[in-house]
Protein backbone atom coordinates (compact mmCIF):
# COMPACT_ATOMS: atom_id res chain seq x y z
CA MET A 1 -23.75 1.34 24.80
CA ARG A 2 -22.57 1.50 28.50
CA GLY A 3 -20.08 -0.64 30.35
CA PRO A 4 -17.61 -3.23 28.88
CA GLN A 5 -18.41 -4.19 25.35
CA ARG A 6 -17.75 -7.46 23.57
CA VAL A 7 -15.28 -6.66 20.84
CA GLY A 8 -14.68 -8.57 17.59
CA VAL A 9 -11.63 -7.87 15.50
CA VAL A 10 -11.42 -8.73 11.60
CA GLY A 11 -7.92 -8.69 10.10
CA ILE A 12 -5.33 -10.09 12.63
CA GLY A 13 -2.16 -8.90 11.20
CA ARG A 14 0.16 -7.04 13.41
CA MET A 15 -1.98 -3.86 13.84
CA GLY A 16 -5.21 -5.97 14.50
CA ALA A 17 -3.48 -8.25 16.77
CA ASN A 18 -1.90 -5.47 18.88
CA ILE A 19 -5.32 -3.57 19.14
CA ALA A 20 -7.00 -6.80 20.31
CA LYS A 21 -4.15 -7.24 22.93
CA ARG A 22 -4.46 -3.65 24.20
CA LEU A 23 -8.20 -3.78 24.46
CA HIS A 24 -7.97 -7.06 26.33
CA ASP A 25 -5.48 -5.65 28.74
CA VAL A 26 -7.75 -2.71 29.65
CA GLY A 27 -10.68 -4.91 30.34
CA TYR A 28 -12.68 -5.32 27.17
CA THR A 29 -13.92 -8.75 26.26
CA ILE A 30 -12.38 -9.89 22.96
CA ALA A 31 -15.33 -12.04 21.78
CA ALA A 32 -14.29 -13.02 18.37
CA LEU A 33 -11.30 -12.88 16.06
CA TYR A 34 -11.30 -13.48 12.21
CA ASP A 35 -8.53 -13.60 9.69
CA VAL A 36 -8.25 -15.48 6.45
CA ARG A 37 -5.08 -16.96 7.86
CA ARG A 38 -6.76 -18.88 10.63
CA GLU A 39 -3.55 -19.34 12.56
CA SER A 40 -3.06 -15.55 12.92
CA ALA A 41 -6.34 -15.42 14.69
CA ALA A 42 -5.53 -18.39 16.78
CA ASP A 43 -2.20 -16.99 17.98
CA THR A 44 -4.01 -13.88 19.29
CA ALA A 45 -6.90 -15.79 20.73
CA ALA A 46 -4.28 -17.60 22.80
CA GLU A 47 -3.49 -14.25 24.47
CA THR A 48 -6.78 -12.45 24.59
CA GLY A 49 -9.40 -15.24 24.51
CA GLY A 50 -12.28 -15.14 22.31
CA GLU A 51 -13.58 -17.50 19.58
CA VAL A 52 -11.52 -17.99 16.41
CA ALA A 53 -14.49 -17.38 14.03
CA THR A 54 -14.93 -19.36 10.90
CA SER A 55 -17.22 -16.70 9.33
CA LEU A 56 -17.90 -13.04 9.26
CA ALA A 57 -21.38 -13.49 10.27
CA ARG A 58 -20.19 -15.28 13.51
CA VAL A 59 -18.01 -12.24 14.43
CA THR A 60 -21.05 -10.01 14.30
CA GLU A 61 -23.19 -12.45 16.19
CA LEU A 62 -20.81 -12.47 19.16
CA SER A 63 -19.80 -8.80 19.32
CA ASP A 64 -21.23 -5.48 20.06
CA VAL A 65 -18.36 -3.64 18.46
CA VAL A 66 -16.35 -4.95 15.56
CA ILE A 67 -12.94 -3.45 14.63
CA THR A 68 -11.69 -4.17 10.98
CA VAL A 69 -8.01 -3.75 9.96
CA VAL A 70 -8.10 -5.12 6.46
CA THR A 71 -5.79 -4.40 3.58
CA ASP A 72 -7.54 -2.51 0.93
CA ASP A 73 -10.65 -1.32 -0.84
CA ALA A 74 -11.49 -4.83 -2.13
CA ALA A 75 -11.15 -6.40 1.28
CA MET A 76 -13.27 -3.97 2.88
CA TYR A 77 -15.99 -4.68 0.25
CA ARG A 78 -15.69 -8.32 0.84
CA VAL A 79 -16.12 -8.11 4.61
CA PHE A 80 -19.18 -5.90 4.25
CA ALA A 81 -20.58 -7.74 1.25
CA THR A 82 -24.28 -7.06 0.72
CA GLU A 83 -24.79 -10.90 0.00
CA GLY A 84 -23.21 -14.20 1.31
CA ASP A 85 -21.08 -14.27 4.39
CA SER A 86 -20.78 -10.81 5.66
CA LEU A 87 -20.29 -8.67 8.66
CA LEU A 88 -23.68 -7.10 7.82
CA ASN A 89 -25.51 -10.30 8.63
CA GLY A 90 -27.44 -9.70 11.85
CA ALA A 91 -25.83 -6.40 12.14
CA ARG A 92 -28.79 -4.53 13.86
CA GLY A 93 -27.53 -2.35 16.76
CA LYS A 94 -23.82 -3.12 16.12
CA ILE A 95 -21.00 -0.63 15.67
CA PHE A 96 -18.30 -1.25 13.02
CA VAL A 97 -15.01 0.57 13.58
CA ASN A 98 -12.93 0.47 10.35
CA CYS A 99 -9.15 1.22 10.75
CA ALA A 100 -7.66 0.40 7.48
CA THR A 101 -6.36 3.16 5.06
CA VAL A 102 -8.84 2.82 2.16
CA THR A 103 -10.39 5.23 -0.40
CA PRO A 104 -12.75 7.63 1.39
CA LYS A 105 -15.64 6.60 -0.77
CA VAL A 106 -15.34 2.97 0.60
CA HIS A 107 -16.07 4.29 4.09
CA VAL A 108 -19.11 6.21 2.65
CA ASP A 109 -20.52 3.07 1.10
CA VAL A 110 -19.76 0.95 4.09
CA GLU A 111 -21.60 3.33 6.26
CA LYS A 112 -24.67 3.30 3.87
CA PHE A 113 -24.59 -0.54 3.86
CA ALA A 114 -24.42 -0.80 7.67
CA GLN A 115 -27.13 1.87 8.24
CA ALA A 116 -29.52 -0.16 5.81
CA GLN A 117 -29.03 -2.93 8.43
CA GLY A 118 -29.71 -0.89 11.53
CA ALA A 119 -26.11 -0.71 12.33
CA ASP A 120 -23.42 2.06 12.49
CA SER A 121 -20.00 2.28 10.75
CA LEU A 122 -17.10 4.65 11.83
CA GLU A 123 -13.84 5.19 10.21
CA ALA A 124 -10.99 5.27 12.89
CA CYS A 125 -7.95 6.23 10.71
CA MET A 126 -4.59 5.84 12.43
CA ALA A 127 -1.55 8.07 12.09
CA SER A 128 0.65 5.79 14.23
CA SER A 129 2.26 2.26 14.02
CA ILE A 130 2.45 -1.08 15.71
CA PRO A 131 4.17 -0.10 19.11
CA GLN A 132 1.42 2.62 19.55
CA ALA A 133 -1.40 0.03 18.90
CA ARG A 134 -0.15 -2.14 21.54
CA GLU A 135 0.40 0.73 24.05
CA GLY A 136 -2.84 2.24 23.42
CA THR A 137 -1.36 5.45 22.18
CA LEU A 138 -2.55 5.67 18.58
CA TYR A 139 -3.43 9.11 16.87
CA LEU A 140 -7.07 8.20 15.83
CA MET A 141 -9.03 10.52 13.34
CA ILE A 142 -12.67 9.38 13.31
CA GLY A 143 -15.30 9.77 10.60
CA GLY A 144 -19.04 8.91 10.66
CA ARG A 145 -22.03 9.79 12.74
CA ARG A 146 -21.28 11.81 15.79
CA GLU A 147 -23.84 10.03 17.89
CA ALA A 148 -22.03 6.62 17.17
CA PHE A 149 -18.66 8.21 17.90
CA GLU A 150 -19.93 9.54 21.28
CA GLN A 151 -21.44 6.07 21.92
CA ILE A 152 -18.13 4.31 21.82
CA LYS A 153 -15.74 7.09 22.65
CA PRO A 154 -14.47 5.41 25.83
CA LEU A 155 -13.30 2.33 23.92
CA LEU A 156 -11.69 4.57 21.36
CA GLU A 157 -9.82 6.49 24.19
CA LYS A 158 -8.42 3.37 25.41
CA MET A 159 -6.87 2.76 22.04
CA SER A 160 -5.55 6.29 21.55
CA VAL A 161 -3.34 9.16 23.22
CA SER A 162 -5.14 11.64 20.84
CA LEU A 163 -8.65 11.28 19.45
CA ARG A 164 -10.04 13.76 16.85
CA TYR A 165 -13.48 13.66 15.43
CA VAL A 166 -13.17 14.97 11.94
CA GLY A 167 -16.63 14.76 10.50
CA LYS A 168 -19.04 12.79 8.25
CA ALA A 169 -17.91 9.54 6.53
CA GLY A 170 -15.09 9.74 4.20
CA ARG A 171 -13.66 12.77 5.81
CA ALA A 172 -11.14 11.24 8.11
CA ALA A 173 -10.05 8.99 5.28
CA GLN A 174 -9.31 12.19 3.24
CA VAL A 175 -7.28 13.60 6.06
CA LYS A 176 -5.35 10.33 6.55
CA ALA A 177 -4.51 10.21 2.84
CA LEU A 178 -3.07 13.85 2.98
CA VAL A 179 -1.14 12.75 6.18
CA ASN A 180 0.51 9.77 4.64
CA MET A 181 1.11 11.73 1.28
CA VAL A 182 3.19 14.37 3.16
CA MET A 183 4.89 11.77 5.16
CA ASN A 184 5.73 9.79 2.09
CA ILE A 185 7.27 12.96 0.39
CA ASN A 186 9.30 13.71 3.54
CA THR A 187 10.57 10.09 3.59
CA ALA A 188 11.62 10.12 -0.07
CA GLY A 189 13.27 13.52 0.32
CA LEU A 190 15.23 12.59 3.29
CA ALA A 191 16.35 9.41 1.45
CA GLU A 192 17.72 11.79 -1.36
CA GLY A 193 19.38 13.97 1.04
CA LEU A 194 21.18 11.15 2.75
CA GLY A 195 21.98 9.40 -0.52
CA LEU A 196 23.47 12.50 -1.97
CA GLY A 197 25.46 13.07 1.38
CA ASP A 198 26.83 9.61 1.10
CA ALA A 199 27.86 10.07 -2.58
CA LEU A 200 29.76 13.11 -1.59
CA GLY A 201 31.57 11.39 1.20
CA LEU A 202 29.91 13.32 4.11
CA ASP A 203 29.66 11.91 7.64
CA LEU A 204 26.00 10.79 7.79
CA ASP A 205 25.89 10.96 11.60
CA MET A 206 27.05 14.66 11.32
CA LEU A 207 24.63 15.32 8.60
CA ARG A 208 21.62 13.90 10.31
CA GLU A 209 22.62 16.01 13.41
CA VAL A 210 22.82 19.13 11.18
CA PHE A 211 19.41 18.28 9.51
CA SER A 212 17.83 17.99 13.03
CA GLN A 213 18.90 21.47 13.97
CA THR A 214 17.85 23.19 10.67
CA GLY A 215 15.01 23.49 8.36
CA ALA A 216 15.74 19.94 7.08
CA ASN A 217 14.28 18.52 10.28
CA SER A 218 11.18 16.43 10.12
CA ARG A 219 9.44 13.61 12.21
CA VAL A 220 10.66 11.26 9.52
CA LEU A 221 14.38 12.20 10.06
CA GLU A 222 13.65 11.01 13.82
CA THR A 223 11.94 7.74 12.82
CA ASP A 224 13.68 6.78 9.62
CA GLY A 225 17.00 8.70 9.34
CA ALA A 226 19.27 6.04 11.20
CA ASP A 227 17.46 3.27 9.66
CA MET A 228 18.20 4.67 6.16
CA GLN A 229 21.88 5.04 6.99
CA ASN A 230 22.13 1.37 8.50
CA ARG A 231 19.86 -0.34 6.02
CA ASP A 232 17.54 -1.38 8.94
CA HIS A 233 14.20 -1.58 7.03
CA ASP A 234 12.32 -3.82 9.46
CA VAL A 235 8.65 -3.06 8.38
CA TYR A 236 6.48 -0.70 10.50
CA PHE A 237 4.83 0.95 7.46
CA SER A 238 5.67 -0.86 4.18
CA ALA A 239 6.61 0.71 0.94
CA ALA A 240 3.77 -1.19 -0.66
CA HIS A 241 1.44 0.64 1.65
CA ALA A 242 3.22 3.94 0.92
CA SER A 243 2.57 3.46 -2.61
CA LYS A 244 -1.02 2.61 -2.13
CA ASP A 245 -1.77 5.51 0.16
CA SER A 246 0.12 8.00 -2.18
CA GLY A 247 -2.11 6.66 -4.89
CA ILE A 248 -5.19 7.45 -2.89
CA ALA A 249 -4.09 10.97 -2.38
CA LEU A 250 -3.31 11.30 -6.11
CA ALA A 251 -6.84 10.07 -6.92
CA LEU A 252 -8.42 12.67 -4.58
CA ALA A 253 -6.24 15.41 -6.36
CA ALA A 254 -7.37 14.22 -9.75
CA GLY A 255 -10.96 14.43 -8.54
CA VAL A 256 -10.56 18.31 -7.97
CA ASP A 257 -8.35 18.65 -10.97
CA LEU A 258 -5.03 19.46 -8.91
CA GLU A 259 -1.77 18.58 -10.01
CA LEU A 260 0.79 17.24 -7.14
CA PRO A 261 3.95 16.70 -8.85
CA LEU A 262 5.87 15.87 -5.58
CA ALA A 263 3.28 13.39 -4.52
CA ARG A 264 3.42 11.80 -8.04
CA ALA A 265 7.12 11.57 -7.88
CA THR A 266 7.02 9.87 -4.47
CA PHE A 267 4.40 7.50 -5.74
CA GLU A 268 6.59 6.58 -8.54
CA GLN A 269 9.48 5.93 -6.19
CA TYR A 270 7.50 3.51 -4.19
CA GLU A 271 6.10 1.83 -7.21
CA ARG A 272 9.51 1.51 -8.36
CA MET A 273 10.50 -0.29 -5.05
CA ARG A 274 7.42 -2.76 -5.63
CA ALA A 275 8.70 -3.55 -9.25
CA LEU A 276 12.18 -4.32 -7.81
CA GLY A 277 10.69 -6.76 -5.14
CA LEU A 278 11.30 -4.19 -2.34
CA GLY A 279 7.58 -3.53 -1.34
CA ASP A 280 7.72 -5.50 1.77
CA LEU A 281 10.51 -3.29 3.22
CA ASP A 282 9.62 -0.44 5.59
CA LYS A 283 9.09 2.81 3.66
CA SER A 284 12.60 3.94 4.91
CA GLY A 285 13.72 1.36 2.29
CA VAL A 286 13.19 4.04 -0.31
CA SER A 287 16.91 4.95 0.48
CA GLU A 288 17.73 1.74 -1.31
CA LEU A 289 17.00 3.68 -4.46
CA THR A 290 19.07 6.81 -3.64
CA PHE A 291 22.46 5.39 -2.30
CA LYS A 292 24.68 4.64 -5.20
CA SER A 293 25.91 1.35 -4.06
CA ARG A 294 22.65 -0.36 -2.99
CA HIS A 295 20.85 -3.16 -4.54
CA GLY A 296 17.81 -1.17 -5.59
CA ARG A 297 19.95 0.94 -7.96
CA ALA A 298 21.93 -2.15 -8.94
CA ALA A 299 18.84 -4.04 -9.82
CA ALA A 300 17.54 -1.12 -11.79
CA ASN A 301 20.64 -0.76 -13.88
CA SER A 302 21.05 -4.53 -14.46
């Protein structure tokens, strides 16, 4: 596939919309946009052009490359259904690039479905957030056929600042699950450290500075520390997503008979947030469970 390609995007949430805008900015034709919330696709189409498709099959018809950013395993199986309206209809020669964090087996299945129709499927797992999607500075981990990866590598390079081919289908999703598992553990640990510091009456600005210069330092301290202190939980990566991704990692561990007590405790914290109605907060909102005066604790004790 040489030269500019027609790109379709399925799943026009904040990540999908910003990927579409980025690719439009660097010269790709956004041919089709599809979302169950038609207004989301229409808003993005106003900036990028492209048809607001009313069916998945229409996205495939109009596009050479289709990027999907859907919510979960069930949504992936819906858009790649083997009967009815599906991206697989008329898919011969197309390449699907699937960016959602889903169970590795789903990527393996979708690749099988696509290849049966003469198409290719890649997983492009993102270890970045919304601003990076807009700026084209995502960290992307790619799984699938190497030949398909090389074919659309120029497009993927326009989306990313760092691009890593991991291996066959499912492998990138495994790595992504581990990345998010460790990130979530770090986030929950930082929330406990700041929550205890607050309960002890320590100056949290001072405490974060000390953390940053010692073994308590982490990338999460940089991205979430002040937000935890200031209760600024505008969502970049939601607690609900943190719960889902930690659950994926735990399922992988169960498959190899491995106990991960820290990952399980973290998963339970994010599940507790969901139970308290806090799942739509950013993952930094786990601090609402660890600061004594906050509503997560108050709700839990009511």
